[in-house]
Protein backbone atom coordinates (compact mmCIF):
# COMPACT_ATOMS: atom_id res chain seq x y z
CA UNK A 1 121.90 67.06 46.35
CA UNK A 2 125.36 66.06 47.53
CA UNK A 3 126.10 63.02 49.66
CA UNK A 4 129.30 62.77 51.68
CA UNK A 5 130.96 59.48 52.57
CA UNK A 6 133.72 58.58 54.98
CA UNK A 7 135.30 55.14 55.04
CA UNK A 8 137.23 55.34 58.30
CA UNK A 9 140.01 52.77 58.43
CA UNK A 10 142.78 51.99 60.84
CA UNK A 11 145.48 53.24 58.45
CA UNK A 12 143.65 55.70 56.19
CA UNK A 13 140.49 57.75 55.91
CA UNK A 14 138.84 57.75 52.48
CA UNK A 15 136.46 60.65 51.84
CA UNK A 16 134.13 61.13 48.89
CA UNK A 17 131.27 63.28 47.68
CA UNK A 18 128.66 62.08 45.20
CA UNK A 19 125.54 63.38 43.50
CA UNK A 20 122.06 61.96 43.97
CA UNK A 21 122.89 59.18 41.47
CA UNK A 22 125.94 58.25 43.58
CA UNK A 23 128.31 59.47 40.87
CA UNK A 24 131.50 60.44 42.71
CA UNK A 25 132.38 64.12 42.26
CA UNK A 26 135.34 64.43 44.61
CA UNK A 27 137.56 62.07 46.55
CA UNK A 28 140.44 62.31 48.99
CA UNK A 29 142.49 60.00 51.21
CA UNK A 30 144.16 60.96 54.49
CA UNK A 31 146.33 58.96 56.90
CA UNK A 32 144.59 57.98 60.13
CA UNK A 33 146.41 59.90 62.81
CA UNK A 34 144.95 61.16 66.09
CA UNK A 35 141.48 62.76 66.08
CA UNK A 36 143.08 66.14 66.76
CA UNK A 37 145.20 65.78 63.63
CA UNK A 38 142.68 64.05 61.36
CA UNK A 39 139.23 65.46 62.13
CA UNK A 40 139.82 69.13 61.14
CA UNK A 41 140.96 68.18 57.63
CA UNK A 42 137.99 65.83 57.14
CA UNK A 43 135.49 68.41 58.38
CA UNK A 44 137.01 71.04 56.09
CA UNK A 45 136.73 68.70 53.10
CA UNK A 46 133.01 68.13 53.62
CA UNK A 47 132.36 71.81 54.41
CA UNK A 48 133.97 72.92 51.17
CA UNK A 49 131.91 70.39 49.25
CA UNK A 50 128.70 71.60 50.97
CA UNK A 51 127.34 68.10 51.52
CA UNK A 52 123.66 67.65 52.41
CA UNK A 53 124.17 64.43 54.39
CA UNK A 54 127.05 62.26 55.56
CA UNK A 55 127.42 58.50 55.82
CA UNK A 56 130.25 56.95 57.81
CA UNK A 57 131.51 53.38 57.62
CA UNK A 58 134.09 53.03 60.37
CA UNK A 59 136.45 50.65 62.10
CA UNK A 60 135.12 49.66 65.49
CA UNK A 61 133.90 48.63 67.87
CA UNK A 62 131.14 51.24 67.65
CA UNK A 63 128.19 52.22 69.81
CA UNK A 64 125.26 51.89 67.40
CA UNK A 65 122.44 51.96 69.96
CA UNK A 66 120.35 55.08 69.22
CA UNK A 67 119.19 55.39 72.85
CA UNK A 68 122.71 55.16 74.27
CA UNK A 69 124.32 58.36 75.62
CA UNK A 70 127.41 57.44 73.58
CA UNK A 71 125.55 56.66 70.35
CA UNK A 72 127.86 57.24 67.40
CA UNK A 73 131.05 56.88 69.42
CA UNK A 74 134.02 54.66 68.63
CA UNK A 75 134.29 52.37 71.67
CA UNK A 76 137.34 50.55 73.08
CA UNK A 77 139.49 50.18 70.00
CA UNK A 78 143.15 49.16 69.53
CA UNK A 79 143.54 52.62 67.93
CA UNK A 80 144.00 54.09 71.40
CA UNK A 81 143.73 57.76 70.46
CA UNK A 82 140.25 57.04 69.03
CA UNK A 83 138.92 55.20 72.10
CA UNK A 84 135.58 56.65 73.24
CA UNK A 85 135.73 59.26 70.49
CA UNK A 86 132.35 60.85 69.47
CA UNK A 87 132.87 60.32 65.74
CA UNK A 88 129.33 60.88 64.45
CA UNK A 89 128.40 63.58 67.00
CA UNK A 90 131.53 65.54 66.06
CA UNK A 91 130.57 65.57 62.38
CA UNK A 92 126.92 66.42 63.12
CA UNK A 93 127.97 69.37 65.24
CA UNK A 94 130.49 70.65 62.72
CA UNK A 95 128.44 70.17 59.54
CA UNK A 96 124.83 70.51 60.76
CA UNK A 97 123.64 67.85 58.32
CA UNK A 98 122.01 64.43 58.82
CA UNK A 99 124.61 61.74 59.57
CA UNK A 100 124.47 57.97 59.83
CA UNK A 101 127.21 55.72 61.17
CA UNK A 102 127.77 51.98 60.82
CA UNK A 103 130.69 49.57 60.74
CA UNK A 104 132.85 49.55 57.64
CA UNK A 105 131.83 45.96 56.94
CA UNK A 106 128.13 46.70 57.38
CA UNK A 107 128.58 49.55 54.90
CA UNK A 108 130.25 47.13 52.50
CA UNK A 109 127.43 44.62 52.98
CA UNK A 110 124.91 47.37 52.17
CA UNK A 111 126.76 48.28 48.96
CA UNK A 112 126.91 44.65 47.82
CA UNK A 113 123.23 44.11 48.66
CA UNK A 114 122.02 47.22 46.83
CA UNK A 115 124.44 47.45 43.92
CA UNK A 116 126.81 44.49 43.93
CA UNK A 117 127.16 40.74 44.30
CA UNK A 118 123.95 40.35 46.35
CA UNK A 119 121.81 42.79 44.39
CA UNK A 120 118.15 41.83 44.50
CA UNK A 121 118.57 39.61 47.57
CA UNK A 122 117.31 40.28 51.08
CA UNK A 123 120.08 38.47 52.95
CA UNK A 124 123.86 38.49 52.64
CA UNK A 125 127.02 38.43 54.71
CA UNK A 126 130.08 40.46 53.76
CA UNK A 127 133.36 39.30 55.31
CA UNK A 128 136.67 41.10 55.01
CA UNK A 129 139.83 39.07 55.60
CA UNK A 130 142.90 41.24 55.88
CA UNK A 131 144.76 42.77 58.81
CA UNK A 132 141.77 41.62 60.83
CA UNK A 133 138.53 39.77 60.09
CA UNK A 134 135.17 41.51 60.23
CA UNK A 135 131.69 40.82 58.94
CA UNK A 136 128.64 42.84 58.06
CA UNK A 137 125.20 41.22 57.95
CA UNK A 138 122.31 42.37 55.79
CA UNK A 139 119.20 40.45 56.89
CA UNK A 140 115.69 40.80 55.48
CA UNK A 141 116.64 44.15 54.00
CA UNK A 142 118.19 45.58 57.19
CA UNK A 143 121.72 45.91 58.54
CA UNK A 144 122.12 43.84 61.70
CA UNK A 145 123.08 45.44 65.00
CA UNK A 146 121.88 44.21 68.40
CA UNK A 147 123.86 44.15 71.62
CA UNK A 148 126.63 45.78 69.57
CA UNK A 149 127.24 44.61 66.00
CA UNK A 150 128.43 41.33 64.44
CA UNK A 151 131.97 40.32 65.45
CA UNK A 152 132.58 37.32 63.20
CA UNK A 153 136.32 37.74 63.59
CA UNK A 154 136.06 36.28 67.08
CA UNK A 155 133.93 33.20 66.49
CA UNK A 156 135.74 30.13 67.80
CA UNK A 157 136.96 27.46 65.37
CA UNK A 158 138.25 23.90 65.43
CA UNK A 159 141.98 24.04 64.65
CA UNK A 160 143.35 22.35 61.56
CA UNK A 161 145.09 19.11 62.64
CA UNK A 162 148.35 20.22 61.02
CA UNK A 163 148.32 23.81 62.29
CA UNK A 164 151.62 24.58 64.05
CA UNK A 165 149.90 27.53 65.73
CA UNK A 166 146.46 26.18 66.77
CA UNK A 167 146.00 28.80 69.48
CA UNK A 168 146.20 31.67 66.96
CA UNK A 169 147.47 35.15 67.78
CA UNK A 170 144.37 36.91 69.15
CA UNK A 171 145.12 38.47 72.56
CA UNK A 172 141.53 37.83 73.70
CA UNK A 173 140.62 34.32 72.49
CA UNK A 174 142.35 31.03 71.80
CA UNK A 175 141.48 29.68 68.36
CA UNK A 176 139.24 32.46 67.02
CA UNK A 177 138.82 33.20 63.31
CA UNK A 178 140.84 36.43 63.31
CA UNK A 179 143.61 34.90 65.39
CA UNK A 180 143.89 31.96 62.99
CA UNK A 181 143.07 33.36 59.55
CA UNK A 182 143.82 37.09 59.33
CA UNK A 183 146.88 38.28 57.42
CA UNK A 184 149.07 38.71 60.52
CA UNK A 185 148.25 35.15 61.63
CA UNK A 186 149.34 33.77 58.26
CA UNK A 187 152.60 35.73 58.46
CA UNK A 188 153.24 34.67 62.07
CA UNK A 189 152.63 31.01 61.26
CA UNK A 190 154.80 30.81 58.13
CA UNK A 191 157.32 33.59 58.65
CA UNK A 192 156.47 35.51 55.46
CA UNK A 193 153.64 37.72 54.25
CA UNK A 194 150.67 36.00 52.64
CA UNK A 195 151.50 37.88 49.44
CA UNK A 196 154.79 35.95 49.21
CA UNK A 197 153.29 32.47 49.55
CA UNK A 198 152.85 30.49 46.30
CA UNK A 199 149.41 29.07 45.45
CA UNK A 200 150.52 25.50 46.25
CA UNK A 201 151.75 26.38 49.74
CA UNK A 202 150.04 24.40 52.56
CA UNK A 203 149.04 27.74 54.11
CA UNK A 204 146.15 28.06 51.69
CA UNK A 205 144.61 24.68 52.46
CA UNK A 206 144.69 25.64 56.13
CA UNK A 207 143.24 29.09 55.38
CA UNK A 208 140.41 27.51 53.37
CA UNK A 209 139.70 25.18 56.30
CA UNK A 210 139.20 28.15 58.62
CA UNK A 211 137.22 30.31 56.23
CA UNK A 212 134.98 27.39 55.28
CA UNK A 213 134.16 26.87 58.96
CA UNK A 214 133.14 30.52 59.11
CA UNK A 215 130.97 30.12 55.99
CA UNK A 216 129.22 27.09 57.47
CA UNK A 217 128.63 28.96 60.73
CA UNK A 218 127.12 31.86 58.79
CA UNK A 219 124.88 29.52 56.79
CA UNK A 220 123.67 27.74 59.92
CA UNK A 221 123.00 30.92 61.92
CA UNK A 222 121.89 33.86 59.75
CA UNK A 223 121.14 31.86 56.58
CA UNK A 224 122.52 34.29 53.98
CA UNK A 225 121.63 33.97 50.31
CA UNK A 226 125.14 35.14 49.45
CA UNK A 227 128.47 35.17 51.32
CA UNK A 228 130.84 37.80 49.96
CA UNK A 229 134.52 37.44 50.84
CA UNK A 230 136.70 40.54 50.45
CA UNK A 231 139.85 42.04 51.91
CA UNK A 232 143.54 41.69 51.15
CA UNK A 233 143.84 37.97 51.85
CA UNK A 234 140.96 37.22 49.48
CA UNK A 235 142.84 38.87 46.62
CA UNK A 236 144.41 35.40 46.41
CA UNK A 237 141.64 34.22 44.09
CA UNK A 238 142.92 30.64 44.07
CA UNK A 239 141.50 30.45 47.63
CA UNK A 240 137.90 30.48 46.43
CA UNK A 241 137.79 26.95 44.90
CA UNK A 242 139.48 25.61 48.02
CA UNK A 243 136.89 27.29 50.25
CA UNK A 244 134.05 25.96 48.07
CA UNK A 245 135.30 22.40 48.34
CA UNK A 246 135.89 22.59 52.08
CA UNK A 247 132.51 24.22 52.70
CA UNK A 248 130.78 21.45 50.78
CA UNK A 249 132.69 18.85 52.78
CA UNK A 250 131.77 20.45 56.10
CA UNK A 251 128.12 20.87 55.12
CA UNK A 252 127.93 17.17 54.35
CA UNK A 253 124.85 17.66 52.19
CA UNK A 254 122.87 19.04 55.13
CA UNK A 255 121.49 22.23 53.55
CA UNK A 256 119.35 21.08 50.63
CA UNK A 257 118.92 24.60 49.12
CA UNK A 258 122.69 24.88 48.64
CA UNK A 259 123.06 23.58 45.09
CA UNK A 260 126.12 25.50 43.91
CA UNK A 261 128.59 26.66 46.54
CA UNK A 262 130.57 28.61 43.93
CA UNK A 263 127.52 30.79 43.30
CA UNK A 264 126.91 31.22 47.03
CA UNK A 265 130.42 32.23 48.18
CA UNK A 266 131.73 34.98 45.91
CA UNK A 267 134.12 37.96 45.73
CA UNK A 268 132.70 41.48 46.07
CA UNK A 269 131.38 43.13 42.92
CA UNK A 270 131.98 46.67 44.26
CA UNK A 271 135.63 46.06 45.18
CA UNK A 272 137.67 48.07 46.08
CA UNK A 273 134.99 50.63 46.93
CA UNK A 274 132.36 48.51 48.69
CA UNK A 275 132.81 50.38 51.99
CA UNK A 276 132.84 53.80 50.36
CA UNK A 277 129.75 53.12 48.23
CA UNK A 278 128.00 51.73 51.29
CA UNK A 279 128.84 54.93 53.18
CA UNK A 280 127.25 56.97 50.39
CA UNK A 281 124.14 54.81 50.72
CA UNK A 282 124.17 55.50 54.49
CA UNK A 283 124.24 59.23 53.71
CA UNK A 284 121.25 58.80 51.41
CA UNK A 285 119.42 56.92 54.17
CA UNK A 286 120.26 59.68 56.66
CA UNK A 287 118.76 62.29 54.36
CA UNK A 288 115.64 60.22 53.74
CA UNK A 289 115.18 59.64 57.49
CA UNK A 290 115.40 63.40 58.09
CA UNK A 291 112.68 64.00 55.49
CA UNK A 292 110.45 61.37 57.12
């Protein structure tokens, strides 16, 4: 049995093949160009590997409604050449194997729930903070969809009182999480990349303020047993204690079960392959669904 995985990102496509124990046998990375340029090489990779099922964790937005005529399509995305592209149907047609598609962050949440930082739990939220902000939700053992899929990057926040850019940079919303806390927002606000800011820079206190608001919103809405924070911005590990303190302050003692915020809000255990491992798990699910 061979499982194929595609982690489809805005800048690169990461492909892998694994055995039934999810041991990776082959791996390749391709730049994300247009579908006409990128899809043939990806299809050829999985054909040569003779995969039995394929799991895809992709950038979005995605149509994940199984009864929709555009199920498995990438919807209106900033990657204009991929707008309304039938990503999963194209692979199913080319490979003739079971396929399952979800968001890249839902795939990462699945990996962390099954094999990583939330292993053994029924509820977790995985948030990536990088070029954008996205979240995957694993609730009572299931990945959450709905009208579309979670879009935590666009929840609205109270601005920090000292923020020189309280409106953020999102073209759709004033003061949303992505517009205030993603990597490009940090760079726009301070004039340098987040990677160049020292740990004592006021940027990090502000960043913790925004990410803590997100954590509190998650706790008050979907009640996760673990909040996993990944992505490029979260490689600044000194952020975690700041987020813990600010989350505790904002909670104000309201949630009695929260005894140790540092054990609740954690980095990913499957980093940097959470999305890829989750895509392999999606492939396994696709194969099992076919058998059922």
